[in-house]
Amino acid sequence: MELEHSPFYIREMEEIKEKYGNTELHSTITHYAIGDTYINIWFGGLNQPKKYSFKSAKEERVLKMIELAKAGKGLNRYIITKAKGLYER
């Protein structure tokens, strides 16, 4: 029996996808999910999120993005001005 099919297998806690407050009228962000060292962000029209990690965007930027995502305001503008293109590829 493979480990993942075992009744004793404990899966990692899956990330929780949250709806972005979207208080910015021009934001295209729809959802986000926070991990230990990253934030996944879903933009309108994309099926897959863009992952901004400590490695790709630096810790201070990711922490700021998490703060803005939770507040529901300013995330889109922050990405455009401070983290554009810094997602993992």
PDB file of N, CA and C in Angstrom:
ATOM      1  N   MET A   1       0.846  -1.180   0.000  1.00  0.00           N
ATOM      2  CA  MET A   1       0.000   0.000   0.000  1.00  0.00           C
ATOM      3  C   MET A   1       0.891   1.242   0.000  1.00  0.00           C
ATOM      4  N   GLU A   2       0.579   2.174  -0.884  1.00  0.00           N
ATOM      5  CA  GLU A   2       1.352   3.409  -0.947  1.00  0.00           C
ATOM      6  C   GLU A   2       1.029   4.279   0.257  1.00  0.00           C
ATOM      7  N   LEU A   3       2.021   5.051   0.672  1.00  0.00           N
ATOM      8  CA  LEU A   3       1.875   5.870   1.868  1.00  0.00           C
ATOM      9  C   LEU A   3       0.676   6.800   1.809  1.00  0.00           C
ATOM     10  N   GLU A   4       0.477   7.486   0.671  1.00  0.00           N
ATOM     11  CA  GLU A   4      -0.623   8.454   0.623  1.00  0.00           C
ATOM     12  C   GLU A   4      -2.005   7.811   0.670  1.00  0.00           C
ATOM     13  N   HIS A   5      -2.070   6.484   0.444  1.00  0.00           N
ATOM     14  CA  HIS A   5      -3.348   5.783   0.525  1.00  0.00           C
ATOM     15  C   HIS A   5      -3.550   5.113   1.881  1.00  0.00           C
ATOM     16  N   SER A   6      -2.568   5.202   2.724  1.00  0.00           N
ATOM     17  CA  SER A   6      -2.647   4.637   4.059  1.00  0.00           C
ATOM     18  C   SER A   6      -3.576   5.470   4.932  1.00  0.00           C
ATOM     19  N   PRO A   7      -4.370   4.824   5.787  1.00  0.00           N
ATOM     20  CA  PRO A   7      -5.240   5.599   6.684  1.00  0.00           C
ATOM     21  C   PRO A   7      -4.454   6.385   7.720  1.00  0.00           C
ATOM     22  N   PHE A   8      -3.176   6.094   7.861  1.00  0.00           N
ATOM     23  CA  PHE A   8      -2.356   6.786   8.855  1.00  0.00           C
ATOM     24  C   PHE A   8      -1.580   7.961   8.270  1.00  0.00           C
ATOM     25  N   TYR A   9      -1.752   8.144   6.977  1.00  0.00           N
ATOM     26  CA  TYR A   9      -1.032   9.224   6.306  1.00  0.00           C
ATOM     27  C   TYR A   9      -1.653  10.561   6.679  1.00  0.00           C
ATOM     28  N   ILE A  10      -0.840  11.481   7.122  1.00  0.00           N
ATOM     29  CA  ILE A  10      -1.325  12.810   7.479  1.00  0.00           C
ATOM     30  C   ILE A  10      -0.865  13.783   6.404  1.00  0.00           C
ATOM     31  N   ARG A  11      -1.794  14.405   5.746  1.00  0.00           N
ATOM     32  CA  ARG A  11      -1.452  15.359   4.696  1.00  0.00           C
ATOM     33  C   ARG A  11      -1.114  16.707   5.299  1.00  0.00           C
ATOM     34  N   GLU A  12      -0.289  17.428   4.577  1.00  0.00           N
ATOM     35  CA  GLU A  12      -0.009  18.801   4.990  1.00  0.00           C
ATOM     36  C   GLU A  12      -1.295  19.601   4.935  1.00  0.00           C
ATOM     37  N   MET A  13      -1.397  20.558   5.798  1.00  0.00           N
ATOM     38  CA  MET A  13      -2.575  21.404   5.780  1.00  0.00           C
ATOM     39  C   MET A  13      -2.604  22.167   4.457  1.00  0.00           C
ATOM     40  N   GLU A  14      -3.700  22.074   3.767  1.00  0.00           N
ATOM     41  CA  GLU A  14      -3.813  22.764   2.485  1.00  0.00           C
ATOM     42  C   GLU A  14      -4.021  24.251   2.721  1.00  0.00           C
ATOM     43  N   GLU A  15      -3.493  25.039   1.808  1.00  0.00           N
ATOM     44  CA  GLU A  15      -3.660  26.483   1.945  1.00  0.00           C
ATOM     45  C   GLU A  15      -5.126  26.845   1.750  1.00  0.00           C
ATOM     46  N   ILE A  16      -5.520  27.896   2.396  1.00  0.00           N
ATOM     47  CA  ILE A  16      -6.905  28.346   2.326  1.00  0.00           C
ATOM     48  C   ILE A  16      -6.983  29.536   1.382  1.00  0.00           C
ATOM     49  N   LYS A  17      -7.777  29.386   0.360  1.00  0.00           N
ATOM     50  CA  LYS A  17      -7.954  30.438  -0.637  1.00  0.00           C
ATOM     51  C   LYS A  17      -8.993  31.427  -0.122  1.00  0.00           C
ATOM     52  N   GLU A  18      -8.575  32.671   0.045  1.00  0.00           N
ATOM     53  CA  GLU A  18      -9.444  33.715   0.572  1.00  0.00           C
ATOM     54  C   GLU A  18      -9.863  34.661  -0.555  1.00  0.00           C
ATOM     55  N   LYS A  19     -11.082  35.155  -0.486  1.00  0.00           N
ATOM     56  CA  LYS A  19     -11.527  36.163  -1.449  1.00  0.00           C
ATOM     57  C   LYS A  19     -10.882  37.487  -1.057  1.00  0.00           C
ATOM     58  N   TYR A  20     -10.292  38.152  -2.037  1.00  0.00           N
ATOM     59  CA  TYR A  20      -9.669  39.445  -1.787  1.00  0.00           C
ATOM     60  C   TYR A  20     -10.755  40.488  -1.606  1.00  0.00           C
ATOM     61  N   GLY A  21     -10.597  41.336  -0.604  1.00  0.00           N
ATOM     62  CA  GLY A  21     -11.581  42.372  -0.300  1.00  0.00           C
ATOM     63  C   GLY A  21     -11.887  43.268  -1.476  1.00  0.00           C
ATOM     64  N   ASN A  22     -10.882  43.453  -2.327  1.00  0.00           N
ATOM     65  CA  ASN A  22     -11.049  44.191  -3.575  1.00  0.00           C
ATOM     66  C   ASN A  22     -11.700  45.553  -3.378  1.00  0.00           C
ATOM     67  N   THR A  23     -11.229  46.275  -2.395  1.00  0.00           N
ATOM     68  CA  THR A  23     -11.783  47.611  -2.169  1.00  0.00           C
ATOM     69  C   THR A  23     -11.225  48.618  -3.160  1.00  0.00           C
ATOM     70  N   GLU A  24     -10.217  48.218  -3.914  1.00  0.00           N
ATOM     71  CA  GLU A  24      -9.682  49.084  -4.970  1.00  0.00           C
ATOM     72  C   GLU A  24     -10.543  48.895  -6.211  1.00  0.00           C
ATOM     73  N   LEU A  25     -11.012  49.948  -6.768  1.00  0.00           N
ATOM     74  CA  LEU A  25     -11.914  49.838  -7.915  1.00  0.00           C
ATOM     75  C   LEU A  25     -11.247  49.229  -9.142  1.00  0.00           C
ATOM     76  N   HIS A  26      -9.936  49.402  -9.280  1.00  0.00           N
ATOM     77  CA  HIS A  26      -9.254  48.935 -10.487  1.00  0.00           C
ATOM     78  C   HIS A  26      -8.457  47.659 -10.264  1.00  0.00           C
ATOM     79  N   SER A  27      -8.632  46.992  -9.161  1.00  0.00           N
ATOM     80  CA  SER A  27      -7.879  45.782  -8.869  1.00  0.00           C
ATOM     81  C   SER A  27      -8.387  44.609  -9.687  1.00  0.00           C
ATOM     82  N   THR A  28      -7.470  43.803 -10.185  1.00  0.00           N
ATOM     83  CA  THR A  28      -7.844  42.588 -10.901  1.00  0.00           C
ATOM     84  C   THR A  28      -7.639  41.361 -10.022  1.00  0.00           C
ATOM     85  N   ILE A  29      -7.247  41.554  -8.775  1.00  0.00           N
ATOM     86  CA  ILE A  29      -7.014  40.445  -7.860  1.00  0.00           C
ATOM     87  C   ILE A  29      -8.361  39.916  -7.366  1.00  0.00           C
ATOM     88  N   THR A  30      -8.523  38.590  -7.432  1.00  0.00           N
ATOM     89  CA  THR A  30      -9.784  37.995  -6.984  1.00  0.00           C
ATOM     90  C   THR A  30      -9.631  37.225  -5.673  1.00  0.00           C
ATOM     91  N   HIS A  31      -8.521  36.494  -5.504  1.00  0.00           N
ATOM     92  CA  HIS A  31      -8.311  35.661  -4.322  1.00  0.00           C
ATOM     93  C   HIS A  31      -6.828  35.636  -3.964  1.00  0.00           C
ATOM     94  N   TYR A  32      -6.554  35.157  -2.762  1.00  0.00           N
ATOM     95  CA  TYR A  32      -5.171  34.957  -2.327  1.00  0.00           C
ATOM     96  C   TYR A  32      -5.123  33.798  -1.341  1.00  0.00           C
ATOM     97  N   ALA A  33      -3.942  33.227  -1.181  1.00  0.00           N
ATOM     98  CA  ALA A  33      -3.706  32.168  -0.194  1.00  0.00           C
ATOM     99  C   ALA A  33      -2.313  32.394   0.376  1.00  0.00           C
ATOM    100  N   ILE A  34      -2.206  32.276   1.680  1.00  0.00           N
ATOM    101  CA  ILE A  34      -0.949  32.563   2.371  1.00  0.00           C
ATOM    102  C   ILE A  34      -0.304  31.269   2.851  1.00  0.00           C
ATOM    103  N   GLY A  35       0.982  31.125   2.546  1.00  0.00           N
ATOM    104  CA  GLY A  35       1.771  30.010   3.052  1.00  0.00           C
ATOM    105  C   GLY A  35       2.819  30.542   4.009  1.00  0.00           C
ATOM    106  N   ASP A  36       3.673  29.670   4.498  1.00  0.00           N
ATOM    107  CA  ASP A  36       4.707  30.086   5.452  1.00  0.00           C
ATOM    108  C   ASP A  36       5.687  31.092   4.857  1.00  0.00           C
ATOM    109  N   THR A  37       6.051  30.902   3.596  1.00  0.00           N
ATOM    110  CA  THR A  37       7.070  31.755   2.976  1.00  0.00           C
ATOM    111  C   THR A  37       6.617  32.321   1.629  1.00  0.00           C
ATOM    112  N   TYR A  38       5.317  32.396   1.428  1.00  0.00           N
ATOM    113  CA  TYR A  38       4.819  32.872   0.129  1.00  0.00           C
ATOM    114  C   TYR A  38       3.383  33.350   0.241  1.00  0.00           C
ATOM    115  N   ILE A  39       2.942  33.987  -0.817  1.00  0.00           N
ATOM    116  CA  ILE A  39       1.530  34.301  -1.011  1.00  0.00           C
ATOM    117  C   ILE A  39       1.193  33.971  -2.460  1.00  0.00           C
ATOM    118  N   ASN A  40       0.112  33.237  -2.662  1.00  0.00           N
ATOM    119  CA  ASN A  40      -0.409  32.966  -3.992  1.00  0.00           C
ATOM    120  C   ASN A  40      -1.500  33.982  -4.268  1.00  0.00           C
ATOM    121  N   ILE A  41      -1.485  34.540  -5.456  1.00  0.00           N
ATOM    122  CA  ILE A  41      -2.465  35.563  -5.813  1.00  0.00           C
ATOM    123  C   ILE A  41      -3.121  35.196  -7.138  1.00  0.00           C
ATOM    124  N   TRP A  42      -4.446  35.180  -7.120  1.00  0.00           N
ATOM    125  CA  TRP A  42      -5.218  34.922  -8.325  1.00  0.00           C
ATOM    126  C   TRP A  42      -5.652  36.253  -8.915  1.00  0.00           C
ATOM    127  N   PHE A  43      -5.326  36.437 -10.167  1.00  0.00           N
ATOM    128  CA  PHE A  43      -5.743  37.628 -10.907  1.00  0.00           C
ATOM    129  C   PHE A  43      -6.903  37.232 -11.806  1.00  0.00           C
ATOM    130  N   GLY A  44      -7.837  38.139 -12.022  1.00  0.00           N
ATOM    131  CA  GLY A  44      -8.976  37.858 -12.889  1.00  0.00           C
ATOM    132  C   GLY A  44      -8.532  37.353 -14.244  1.00  0.00           C
ATOM    133  N   GLY A  45      -9.198  36.325 -14.724  1.00  0.00           N
ATOM    134  CA  GLY A  45      -8.881  35.768 -16.032  1.00  0.00           C
ATOM    135  C   GLY A  45      -7.805  34.692 -16.014  1.00  0.00           C
ATOM    136  N   LEU A  46      -7.142  34.475 -14.871  1.00  0.00           N
ATOM    137  CA  LEU A  46      -6.117  33.436 -14.777  1.00  0.00           C
ATOM    138  C   LEU A  46      -6.635  32.269 -13.939  1.00  0.00           C
ATOM    139  N   ASN A  47      -6.413  31.051 -14.414  1.00  0.00           N
ATOM    140  CA  ASN A  47      -6.849  29.867 -13.665  1.00  0.00           C
ATOM    141  C   ASN A  47      -5.877  29.509 -12.553  1.00  0.00           C
ATOM    142  N   GLN A  48      -4.611  29.822 -12.747  1.00  0.00           N
ATOM    143  CA  GLN A  48      -3.573  29.495 -11.779  1.00  0.00           C
ATOM    144  C   GLN A  48      -3.107  30.764 -11.077  1.00  0.00           C
ATOM    145  N   PRO A  49      -2.744  30.633  -9.803  1.00  0.00           N
ATOM    146  CA  PRO A  49      -2.243  31.818  -9.097  1.00  0.00           C
ATOM    147  C   PRO A  49      -0.805  32.124  -9.480  1.00  0.00           C
ATOM    148  N   LYS A  50      -0.385  33.320  -9.192  1.00  0.00           N
ATOM    149  CA  LYS A  50       1.028  33.691  -9.282  1.00  0.00           C
ATOM    150  C   LYS A  50       1.565  33.612  -7.858  1.00  0.00           C
ATOM    151  N   LYS A  51       2.689  32.925  -7.712  1.00  0.00           N
ATOM    152  CA  LYS A  51       3.273  32.693  -6.392  1.00  0.00           C
ATOM    153  C   LYS A  51       4.432  33.663  -6.162  1.00  0.00           C
ATOM    154  N   TYR A  52       4.287  34.493  -5.144  1.00  0.00           N
ATOM    155  CA  TYR A  52       5.328  35.424  -4.732  1.00  0.00           C
ATOM    156  C   TYR A  52       5.937  34.854  -3.450  1.00  0.00           C
ATOM    157  N   SER A  53       7.197  34.466  -3.510  1.00  0.00           N
ATOM    158  CA  SER A  53       7.832  33.811  -2.368  1.00  0.00           C
ATOM    159  C   SER A  53       8.973  34.654  -1.814  1.00  0.00           C
ATOM    160  N   PHE A  54       9.437  34.267  -0.634  1.00  0.00           N
ATOM    161  CA  PHE A  54      10.607  34.937  -0.054  1.00  0.00           C
ATOM    162  C   PHE A  54      11.776  34.866  -1.024  1.00  0.00           C
ATOM    163  N   LYS A  55      11.878  33.755  -1.746  1.00  0.00           N
ATOM    164  CA  LYS A  55      12.990  33.567  -2.687  1.00  0.00           C
ATOM    165  C   LYS A  55      12.843  34.463  -3.925  1.00  0.00           C
ATOM    166  N   SER A  56      11.648  34.538  -4.475  1.00  0.00           N
ATOM    167  CA  SER A  56      11.476  35.279  -5.734  1.00  0.00           C
ATOM    168  C   SER A  56      11.284  36.784  -5.530  1.00  0.00           C
ATOM    169  N   ALA A  57      10.616  37.163  -4.442  1.00  0.00           N
ATOM    170  CA  ALA A  57      10.261  38.575  -4.261  1.00  0.00           C
ATOM    171  C   ALA A  57      10.862  39.202  -3.004  1.00  0.00           C
ATOM    172  N   LYS A  58      11.583  38.437  -2.223  1.00  0.00           N
ATOM    173  CA  LYS A  58      12.189  38.874  -0.954  1.00  0.00           C
ATOM    174  C   LYS A  58      11.150  38.903   0.160  1.00  0.00           C
ATOM    175  N   GLU A  59      11.604  38.565   1.349  1.00  0.00           N
ATOM    176  CA  GLU A  59      10.728  38.422   2.504  1.00  0.00           C
ATOM    177  C   GLU A  59       9.938  39.693   2.820  1.00  0.00           C
ATOM    178  N   GLU A  60      10.603  40.843   2.825  1.00  0.00           N
ATOM    179  CA  GLU A  60       9.897  42.070   3.217  1.00  0.00           C
ATOM    180  C   GLU A  60       8.747  42.395   2.269  1.00  0.00           C
ATOM    181  N   ARG A  61       8.924  42.136   0.968  1.00  0.00           N
ATOM    182  CA  ARG A  61       7.848  42.397   0.012  1.00  0.00           C
ATOM    183  C   ARG A  61       6.681  41.441   0.225  1.00  0.00           C
ATOM    184  N   VAL A  62       7.000  40.162   0.421  1.00  0.00           N
ATOM    185  CA  VAL A  62       5.944  39.170   0.613  1.00  0.00           C
ATOM    186  C   VAL A  62       5.157  39.472   1.891  1.00  0.00           C
ATOM    187  N   LEU A  63       5.843  39.819   2.952  1.00  0.00           N
ATOM    188  CA  LEU A  63       5.153  40.157   4.203  1.00  0.00           C
ATOM    189  C   LEU A  63       4.244  41.369   4.021  1.00  0.00           C
ATOM    190  N   LYS A  64       4.691  42.343   3.254  1.00  0.00           N
ATOM    191  CA  LYS A  64       3.861  43.513   2.970  1.00  0.00           C
ATOM    192  C   LYS A  64       2.651  43.112   2.127  1.00  0.00           C
ATOM    193  N   MET A  65       2.860  42.230   1.167  1.00  0.00           N
ATOM    194  CA  MET A  65       1.764  41.766   0.326  1.00  0.00           C
ATOM    195  C   MET A  65       0.722  41.008   1.159  1.00  0.00           C
ATOM    196  N   ILE A  66       1.179  40.220   2.117  1.00  0.00           N
ATOM    197  CA  ILE A  66       0.269  39.504   3.007  1.00  0.00           C
ATOM    198  C   ILE A  66      -0.549  40.503   3.832  1.00  0.00           C
ATOM    199  N   GLU A  67       0.117  41.505   4.343  1.00  0.00           N
ATOM    200  CA  GLU A  67      -0.559  42.544   5.126  1.00  0.00           C
ATOM    201  C   GLU A  67      -1.641  43.230   4.297  1.00  0.00           C
ATOM    202  N   LEU A  68      -1.310  43.590   3.074  1.00  0.00           N
ATOM    203  CA  LEU A  68      -2.259  44.280   2.196  1.00  0.00           C
ATOM    204  C   LEU A  68      -3.410  43.365   1.774  1.00  0.00           C
ATOM    205  N   ALA A  69      -3.093  42.092   1.530  1.00  0.00           N
ATOM    206  CA  ALA A  69      -4.141  41.141   1.150  1.00  0.00           C
ATOM    207  C   ALA A  69      -5.165  41.002   2.269  1.00  0.00           C
ATOM    208  N   LYS A  70      -4.683  40.883   3.496  1.00  0.00           N
ATOM    209  CA  LYS A  70      -5.591  40.758   4.644  1.00  0.00           C
ATOM    210  C   LYS A  70      -6.430  42.017   4.836  1.00  0.00           C
ATOM    211  N   ALA A  71      -5.838  43.172   4.551  1.00  0.00           N
ATOM    212  CA  ALA A  71      -6.560  44.440   4.681  1.00  0.00           C
ATOM    213  C   ALA A  71      -7.567  44.642   3.549  1.00  0.00           C
ATOM    214  N   GLY A  72      -7.347  43.966   2.425  1.00  0.00           N
ATOM    215  CA  GLY A  72      -8.253  44.109   1.287  1.00  0.00           C
ATOM    216  C   GLY A  72      -8.083  45.406   0.542  1.00  0.00           C
ATOM    217  N   LYS A  73      -6.904  45.993   0.654  1.00  0.00           N
ATOM    218  CA  LYS A  73      -6.686  47.287   0.011  1.00  0.00           C
ATOM    219  C   LYS A  73      -5.203  47.498  -0.270  1.00  0.00           C
ATOM    220  N   GLY A  74      -4.889  47.973  -1.473  1.00  0.00           N
ATOM    221  CA  GLY A  74      -3.534  48.373  -1.805  1.00  0.00           C
ATOM    222  C   GLY A  74      -2.644  47.314  -2.417  1.00  0.00           C
ATOM    223  N   LEU A  75      -3.096  46.076  -2.470  1.00  0.00           N
ATOM    224  CA  LEU A  75      -2.240  44.991  -2.960  1.00  0.00           C
ATOM    225  C   LEU A  75      -1.915  45.124  -4.446  1.00  0.00           C
ATOM    226  N   ASN A  76      -2.903  45.398  -5.257  1.00  0.00           N
ATOM    227  CA  ASN A  76      -2.670  45.526  -6.697  1.00  0.00           C
ATOM    228  C   ASN A  76      -1.663  46.635  -6.995  1.00  0.00           C
ATOM    229  N   ARG A  77      -1.848  47.771  -6.365  1.00  0.00           N
ATOM    230  CA  ARG A  77      -0.934  48.908  -6.575  1.00  0.00           C
ATOM    231  C   ARG A  77       0.481  48.556  -6.098  1.00  0.00           C
ATOM    232  N   TYR A  78       0.586  47.867  -4.969  1.00  0.00           N
ATOM    233  CA  TYR A  78       1.894  47.473  -4.441  1.00  0.00           C
ATOM    234  C   TYR A  78       2.614  46.539  -5.413  1.00  0.00           C
ATOM    235  N   ILE A  79       1.883  45.575  -5.943  1.00  0.00           N
ATOM    236  CA  ILE A  79       2.503  44.649  -6.901  1.00  0.00           C
ATOM    237  C   ILE A  79       2.991  45.402  -8.128  1.00  0.00           C
ATOM    238  N   ILE A  80       2.179  46.294  -8.651  1.00  0.00           N
ATOM    239  CA  ILE A  80       2.551  47.053  -9.850  1.00  0.00           C
ATOM    240  C   ILE A  80       3.807  47.900  -9.592  1.00  0.00           C
ATOM    241  N   THR A  81       3.891  48.505  -8.427  1.00  0.00           N
ATOM    242  CA  THR A  81       4.992  49.438  -8.167  1.00  0.00           C
ATOM    243  C   THR A  81       6.222  48.806  -7.520  1.00  0.00           C
ATOM    244  N   LYS A  82       6.048  47.713  -6.763  1.00  0.00           N
ATOM    245  CA  LYS A  82       7.179  47.156  -6.002  1.00  0.00           C
ATOM    246  C   LYS A  82       7.517  45.701  -6.307  1.00  0.00           C
ATOM    247  N   ALA A  83       6.593  44.954  -6.914  1.00  0.00           N
ATOM    248  CA  ALA A  83       6.846  43.513  -7.083  1.00  0.00           C
ATOM    249  C   ALA A  83       6.476  42.993  -8.465  1.00  0.00           C
ATOM    250  N   LYS A  84       6.329  43.873  -9.418  1.00  0.00           N
ATOM    251  CA  LYS A  84       5.939  43.457 -10.761  1.00  0.00           C
ATOM    252  C   LYS A  84       6.951  42.457 -11.328  1.00  0.00           C
ATOM    253  N   GLY A  85       6.456  41.297 -11.740  1.00  0.00           N
ATOM    254  CA  GLY A  85       7.299  40.280 -12.351  1.00  0.00           C
ATOM    255  C   GLY A  85       8.121  39.455 -11.372  1.00  0.00           C
ATOM    256  N   LEU A  86       7.947  39.649 -10.066  1.00  0.00           N
ATOM    257  CA  LEU A  86       8.762  38.942  -9.090  1.00  0.00           C
ATOM    258  C   LEU A  86       8.139  37.632  -8.606  1.00  0.00           C
ATOM    259  N   TYR A  87       7.177  37.117  -9.329  1.00  0.00           N
ATOM    260  CA  TYR A  87       6.579  35.845  -8.983  1.00  0.00           C
ATOM    261  C   TYR A  87       7.454  34.696  -9.480  1.00  0.00           C
ATOM    262  N   GLU A  88       7.255  33.509  -8.912  1.00  0.00           N
ATOM    263  CA  GLU A  88       8.025  32.327  -9.326  1.00  0.00           C
ATOM    264  C   GLU A  88       7.569  31.902 -10.716  1.00  0.00           C
ATOM    265  N   ARG A  89       8.507  31.437 -11.484  1.00  0.00           N
ATOM    266  CA  ARG A  89       8.179  30.984 -12.849  1.00  0.00           C
ATOM    267  C   ARG A  89       8.309  29.485 -12.949  1.00  0.00           C
TER     268      ARG A  89
END
